C-alpha atoms as a PDB file:
ATOM      1  CA  MET A   1      65.307  61.395 105.476  1.00  0.00           C
ATOM      2  CA  LYS A   2      66.301  59.300 108.510  1.00  0.00           C
ATOM      3  CA  ILE A   3      69.716  60.985 108.646  1.00  0.00           C
ATOM      4  CA  VAL A   4      68.051  64.381 109.125  1.00  0.00           C
ATOM      5  CA  ALA A   5      66.175  63.050 112.190  1.00  0.00           C
ATOM      6  CA  ILE A   6      69.358  61.543 113.679  1.00  0.00           C
ATOM      7  CA  ILE A   7      71.401  64.753 113.481  1.00  0.00           C
ATOM      8  CA  PRO A   8      69.076  66.865 115.684  1.00  0.00           C
ATOM      9  CA  ALA A   9      68.831  64.034 118.238  1.00  0.00           C
ATOM     10  CA  ALA A  10      72.623  63.723 118.371  1.00  0.00           C
ATOM     11  CA  PHE A  11      72.985  67.490 118.689  1.00  0.00           C
ATOM     12  CA  LEU A  12      70.476  67.619 121.562  1.00  0.00           C
ATOM     13  CA  ALA A  13      72.323  64.821 123.343  1.00  0.00           C
ATOM     14  CA  PHE A  14      75.557  66.800 122.954  1.00  0.00           C
ATOM     15  CA  VAL A  15      74.253  70.129 124.264  1.00  0.00           C
ATOM     16  CA  SER A  16      72.497  68.598 127.272  1.00  0.00           C
ATOM     17  CA  ALA A  17      75.597  66.698 128.446  1.00  0.00           C
ATOM     18  CA  ARG A  18      77.557  67.754 131.526  1.00  0.00           C
ATOM     19  CA  GLY A  19      81.071  69.146 131.506  1.00  0.00           C
ATOM     20  CA  ASP A  20      82.748  65.871 132.448  1.00  0.00           C
ATOM     21  CA  ASP A  21      82.174  64.747 128.878  1.00  0.00           C
ATOM     22  CA  PHE A  22      82.217  67.954 126.831  1.00  0.00           C
ATOM     23  CA  ASP A  23      83.020  70.816 129.259  1.00  0.00           C
ATOM     24  CA  VAL A  24      79.493  72.116 128.692  1.00  0.00           C
ATOM     25  CA  TRP A  25      76.380  72.481 130.848  1.00  0.00           C
ATOM     26  CA  SER A  26      73.071  73.837 129.587  1.00  0.00           C
ATOM     27  CA  ALA A  27      69.464  73.953 130.738  1.00  0.00           C
ATOM     28  CA  PRO A  28      66.263  75.881 130.148  1.00  0.00           C
ATOM     29  CA  SER A  29      64.810  77.912 132.983  1.00  0.00           C
ATOM     30  CA  PRO A  30      61.832  76.212 134.692  1.00  0.00           C
ATOM     31  CA  ASN A  31      59.391  78.505 132.870  1.00  0.00           C
ATOM     32  CA  LYS A  32      61.214  77.871 129.552  1.00  0.00           C
ATOM     33  CA  ALA A  33      61.590  81.623 128.903  1.00  0.00           C
ATOM     34  CA  PHE A  34      65.404  81.426 129.112  1.00  0.00           C
ATOM     35  CA  PHE A  35      68.122  78.974 128.254  1.00  0.00           C
ATOM     36  CA  ALA A  36      71.554  79.061 129.911  1.00  0.00           C
ATOM     37  CA  ALA A  37      74.818  77.462 128.875  1.00  0.00           C
ATOM     38  CA  GLU A  38      78.147  77.247 130.659  1.00  0.00           C
ATOM     39  CA  ARG A  39      81.346  76.253 128.940  1.00  0.00           C
ATOM     40  CA  ARG A  40      84.980  75.985 129.967  1.00  0.00           C
ATOM     41  CA  ILE A  41      87.395  78.436 128.328  1.00  0.00           C
ATOM     42  CA  PRO A  42      91.051  77.438 128.032  1.00  0.00           C
ATOM     43  CA  ASP A  43      93.624  80.089 128.801  1.00  0.00           C
ATOM     44  CA  ALA A  44      94.402  81.827 125.492  1.00  0.00           C
ATOM     45  CA  ASP A  45      98.182  81.948 125.932  1.00  0.00           C
ATOM     46  CA  MET A  46      98.888  78.739 127.839  1.00  0.00           C
ATOM     47  CA  LEU A  47      96.561  76.057 126.493  1.00  0.00           C
ATOM     48  CA  GLN A  48      98.492  73.350 128.331  1.00  0.00           C
ATOM     49  CA  ARG A  49      97.774  74.908 131.769  1.00  0.00           C
ATOM     50  CA  LEU A  50      94.394  73.654 132.990  1.00  0.00           C
ATOM     51  CA  ASP A  51      94.978  75.599 136.202  1.00  0.00           C
ATOM     52  CA  LEU A  52      94.525  78.840 134.245  1.00  0.00           C
ATOM     53  CA  ASP A  53      91.201  77.885 132.622  1.00  0.00           C
ATOM     54  CA  GLY A  54      88.002  79.795 133.205  1.00  0.00           C
ATOM     55  CA  PHE A  55      84.399  79.527 132.056  1.00  0.00           C
ATOM     56  CA  ARG A  56      81.704  81.527 130.290  1.00  0.00           C
ATOM     57  CA  VAL A  57      78.001  81.720 131.121  1.00  0.00           C
ATOM     58  CA  VAL A  58      75.594  82.761 128.370  1.00  0.00           C
ATOM     59  CA  VAL A  59      71.856  83.257 128.903  1.00  0.00           C
ATOM     60  CA  PHE A  60      69.557  83.230 125.878  1.00  0.00           C
ATOM     61  CA  ALA A  61      66.014  84.564 125.421  1.00  0.00           C
ATOM     62  CA  ASP A  62      64.142  83.967 122.175  1.00  0.00           C
ATOM     63  CA  ASP A  63      67.299  82.425 120.661  1.00  0.00           C
ATOM     64  CA  LYS A  64      69.233  85.666 121.177  1.00  0.00           C
ATOM     65  CA  VAL A  65      72.008  86.338 123.672  1.00  0.00           C
ATOM     66  CA  TYR A  66      70.375  87.979 126.687  1.00  0.00           C
ATOM     67  CA  ALA A  67      73.544  88.178 128.820  1.00  0.00           C
ATOM     68  CA  ARG A  68      77.039  86.722 129.013  1.00  0.00           C
ATOM     69  CA  ARG A  69      80.053  86.832 131.282  1.00  0.00           C
ATOM     70  CA  ASP A  70      83.477  85.237 131.501  1.00  0.00           C
ATOM     71  CA  PHE A  71      84.920  84.041 134.804  1.00  0.00           C
ATOM     72  CA  PRO A  72      88.693  83.593 134.422  1.00  0.00           C
ATOM     73  CA  LEU A  73      90.621  81.209 136.701  1.00  0.00           C
ATOM     74  CA  ARG A  74      87.401  79.596 138.025  1.00  0.00           C
ATOM     75  CA  LEU A  75      85.421  76.477 137.164  1.00  0.00           C
ATOM     76  CA  VAL A  76      81.761  75.745 137.889  1.00  0.00           C
ATOM     77  CA  SER A  77      81.072  73.331 140.742  1.00  0.00           C
ATOM     78  CA  ASP A  78      77.264  73.481 140.659  1.00  0.00           C
ATOM     79  CA  ILE A  79      74.786  75.557 138.675  1.00  0.00           C
ATOM     80  CA  LYS A  80      70.990  75.739 138.919  1.00  0.00           C
ATOM     81  CA  TRP A  81      68.024  77.896 137.983  1.00  0.00           C
ATOM     82  CA  SER A  82      65.791  79.119 140.809  1.00  0.00           C
ATOM     83  CA  PRO A  83      62.284  77.567 140.738  1.00  0.00           C
ATOM     84  CA  ASP A  84      60.779  80.938 139.713  1.00  0.00           C
ATOM     85  CA  SER A  85      63.222  81.257 136.753  1.00  0.00           C
ATOM     86  CA  HIS A  86      64.424  84.693 137.907  1.00  0.00           C
ATOM     87  CA  PHE A  87      67.927  83.638 138.987  1.00  0.00           C
ATOM     88  CA  LEU A  88      70.741  81.389 137.811  1.00  0.00           C
ATOM     89  CA  LEU A  89      73.032  80.567 140.726  1.00  0.00           C
ATOM     90  CA  PHE A  90      76.410  78.866 140.521  1.00  0.00           C
ATOM     91  CA  THR A  91      79.212  77.899 142.876  1.00  0.00           C
ATOM     92  CA  THR A  92      82.765  77.902 141.555  1.00  0.00           C
ATOM     93  CA  ALA A  93      86.170  76.527 142.469  1.00  0.00           C
ATOM     94  CA  SER A  94      89.596  77.874 141.658  1.00  0.00           C
ATOM     95  CA  SER A  95      90.829  76.250 138.451  1.00  0.00           C
ATOM     96  CA  GLY A  96      94.266  76.063 140.085  1.00  0.00           C
ATOM     97  CA  GLY A  97      92.987  74.249 143.165  1.00  0.00           C
ATOM     98  CA  HIS A  98      93.616  77.158 145.539  1.00  0.00           C
ATOM     99  CA  SER A  99      91.354  77.364 148.621  1.00  0.00           C
ATOM    100  CA  PRO A 100      89.635  74.010 147.975  1.00  0.00           C
ATOM    101  CA  TRP A 101      87.293  74.663 150.915  1.00  0.00           C
ATOM    102  CA  HIS A 102      85.959  77.932 149.453  1.00  0.00           C
ATOM    103  CA  PHE A 103      83.386  77.961 146.631  1.00  0.00           C
ATOM    104  CA  LYS A 104      82.931  81.524 145.369  1.00  0.00           C
ATOM    105  CA  THR A 105      79.253  81.889 144.539  1.00  0.00           C
ATOM    106  CA  PHE A 106      77.602  84.065 141.901  1.00  0.00           C
ATOM    107  CA  VAL A 107      74.077  84.712 140.668  1.00  0.00           C
ATOM    108  CA  PHE A 108      72.663  85.978 137.398  1.00  0.00           C
ATOM    109  CA  CYS A 109      69.590  88.183 137.916  1.00  0.00           C
ATOM    110  CA  VAL A 110      67.185  88.045 134.975  1.00  0.00           C
ATOM    111  CA  SER A 111      65.429  91.320 135.873  1.00  0.00           C
ATOM    112  CA  ASP A 112      68.445  93.577 135.364  1.00  0.00           C
ATOM    113  CA  ARG A 113      70.725  91.196 133.427  1.00  0.00           C
ATOM    114  CA  SER A 114      73.393  91.473 136.111  1.00  0.00           C
ATOM    115  CA  PHE A 115      75.877  89.008 137.532  1.00  0.00           C
ATOM    116  CA  ARG A 116      76.428  89.441 141.262  1.00  0.00           C
ATOM    117  CA  ASP A 117      78.708  88.119 143.993  1.00  0.00           C
ATOM    118  CA  VAL A 118      76.505  86.268 146.497  1.00  0.00           C
ATOM    119  CA  GLU A 119      79.047  86.053 149.314  1.00  0.00           C
ATOM    120  CA  GLY A 120      78.537  89.626 150.474  1.00  0.00           C
ATOM    121  CA  VAL A 121      75.220  88.553 152.026  1.00  0.00           C
ATOM    122  CA  THR A 122      76.038  85.027 153.251  1.00  0.00           C
ATOM    123  CA  GLY A 123      77.841  85.954 156.468  1.00  0.00           C
ATOM    124  CA  GLY A 124      80.754  83.646 155.587  1.00  0.00           C
ATOM    125  CA  SER A 125      82.544  81.775 152.809  1.00  0.00           C
ATOM    126  CA  VAL A 126      80.539  79.107 150.993  1.00  0.00           C
ATOM    127  CA  LEU A 127      82.002  75.740 152.082  1.00  0.00           C
ATOM    128  CA  VAL A 128      79.865  73.247 150.137  1.00  0.00           C
ATOM    129  CA  PRO A 129      79.477  73.464 146.354  1.00  0.00           C
ATOM    130  CA  GLU A 130      76.007  71.910 146.103  1.00  0.00           C
ATOM    131  CA  VAL A 131      73.158  74.372 145.593  1.00  0.00           C
ATOM    132  CA  ARG A 132      69.621  73.756 146.843  1.00  0.00           C
ATOM    133  CA  PHE A 133      66.551  75.935 146.312  1.00  0.00           C
ATOM    134  CA  GLU A 134      63.303  76.372 148.196  1.00  0.00           C
ATOM    135  CA  PRO A 135      60.503  77.927 146.124  1.00  0.00           C
ATOM    136  CA  PRO A 136      60.238  80.510 144.843  1.00  0.00           C
ATOM    137  CA  ASP A 137      63.795  81.931 145.023  1.00  0.00           C
ATOM    138  CA  ILE A 138      65.396  80.979 148.338  1.00  0.00           C
ATOM    139  CA  VAL A 139      68.854  79.463 147.953  1.00  0.00           C
ATOM    140  CA  VAL A 140      70.195  77.288 150.770  1.00  0.00           C
ATOM    141  CA  LEU A 141      73.978  77.393 151.140  1.00  0.00           C
ATOM    142  CA  THR A 142      76.428  75.958 153.675  1.00  0.00           C
ATOM    143  CA  VAL A 143      78.808  78.661 154.865  1.00  0.00           C
ATOM    144  CA  HIS A 144      81.627  79.095 157.350  1.00  0.00           C
ATOM    145  CA  ASP A 145      80.142  79.893 160.746  1.00  0.00           C
ATOM    146  CA  THR A 146      82.416  82.738 161.833  1.00  0.00           C
ATOM    147  CA  GLY A 147      80.690  82.923 165.225  1.00  0.00           C
ATOM    148  CA  ALA A 148      81.421  79.321 166.197  1.00  0.00           C
ATOM    149  CA  PRO A 149      84.682  78.230 167.820  1.00  0.00           C
ATOM    150  CA  GLU A 150      87.270  76.761 165.440  1.00  0.00           C
ATOM    151  CA  SER A 151      88.280  73.119 165.910  1.00  0.00           C
ATOM    152  CA  ASP A 152      91.126  71.078 164.500  1.00  0.00           C
ATOM    153  CA  ALA A 153      88.683  68.538 163.077  1.00  0.00           C
ATOM    154  CA  GLU A 154      86.773  70.770 160.673  1.00  0.00           C
ATOM    155  CA  MET A 155      85.731  74.313 159.903  1.00  0.00           C
ATOM    156  CA  PRO A 156      82.464  75.199 161.694  1.00  0.00           C
ATOM    157  CA  SER A 157      79.575  75.605 159.288  1.00  0.00           C
ATOM    158  CA  LYS A 158      75.951  76.621 159.176  1.00  0.00           C
ATOM    159  CA  GLN A 159      73.202  76.698 156.586  1.00  0.00           C
ATOM    160  CA  VAL A 160      71.853  80.040 155.449  1.00  0.00           C
ATOM    161  CA  ARG A 161      68.721  80.765 153.439  1.00  0.00           C
ATOM    162  CA  ILE A 162      68.935  83.721 151.106  1.00  0.00           C
ATOM    163  CA  PRO A 163      65.797  85.082 149.404  1.00  0.00           C
ATOM    164  CA  LEU A 164      67.376  86.220 146.163  1.00  0.00           C
ATOM    165  CA  ALA A 165      64.691  88.722 145.102  1.00  0.00           C
ATOM    166  CA  LYS A 166      65.052  90.584 148.401  1.00  0.00           C
ATOM    167  CA  MET A 167      68.828  90.296 148.746  1.00  0.00           C
ATOM    168  CA  SER A 168      70.229  90.511 145.202  1.00  0.00           C
ATOM    169  CA  HIS A 169      70.318  94.318 145.284  1.00  0.00           C
ATOM    170  CA  HIS A 170      72.608  94.116 148.330  1.00  0.00           C
ATOM    171  CA  MET A 171      75.105  91.939 146.438  1.00  0.00           C
ATOM    172  CA  LYS A 172      78.101  93.446 144.669  1.00  0.00           C
ATOM    173  CA  ARG A 173      77.413  93.778 140.955  1.00  0.00           C
ATOM    174  CA  LEU A 174      80.217  92.369 138.782  1.00  0.00           C
ATOM    175  CA  ARG A 175      81.598  94.770 136.196  1.00  0.00           C
END
């Protein structure tokens, strides 16, 4: 009987680990209505080429797949649910190391089950992979400040606050 109790505990430890150990991330939404998982996908033809890997995001509701999408040639840098549980936002890096200063950013919208490209509303490329939220659905990102003068020391940046419920419909929907 003790073995039965150990197996679920070991499984839960496995599925809640971060990608550094198992190439998997997963978390319930704050309201517990959804559960999301992200997992690295090796390139099908060239398994030895990590620079061709991608990842898959799957969102579950009531233990059924609610939505899923593959992102080839990209790897997740940071991924978080919004405090209101309506959005799953993630920054990504090129799996090949191209443009290491640019973190393409995407959001999953629970209401219409869509994945969208956030950068159309940021006013510049996302420069910092870390994601921060302000309740209920405002994401704070650091982007390239295209209006500031360039310097040799670093790319000018600014923080932008994007209310996802208001702005998601202005973002390009991924097909």
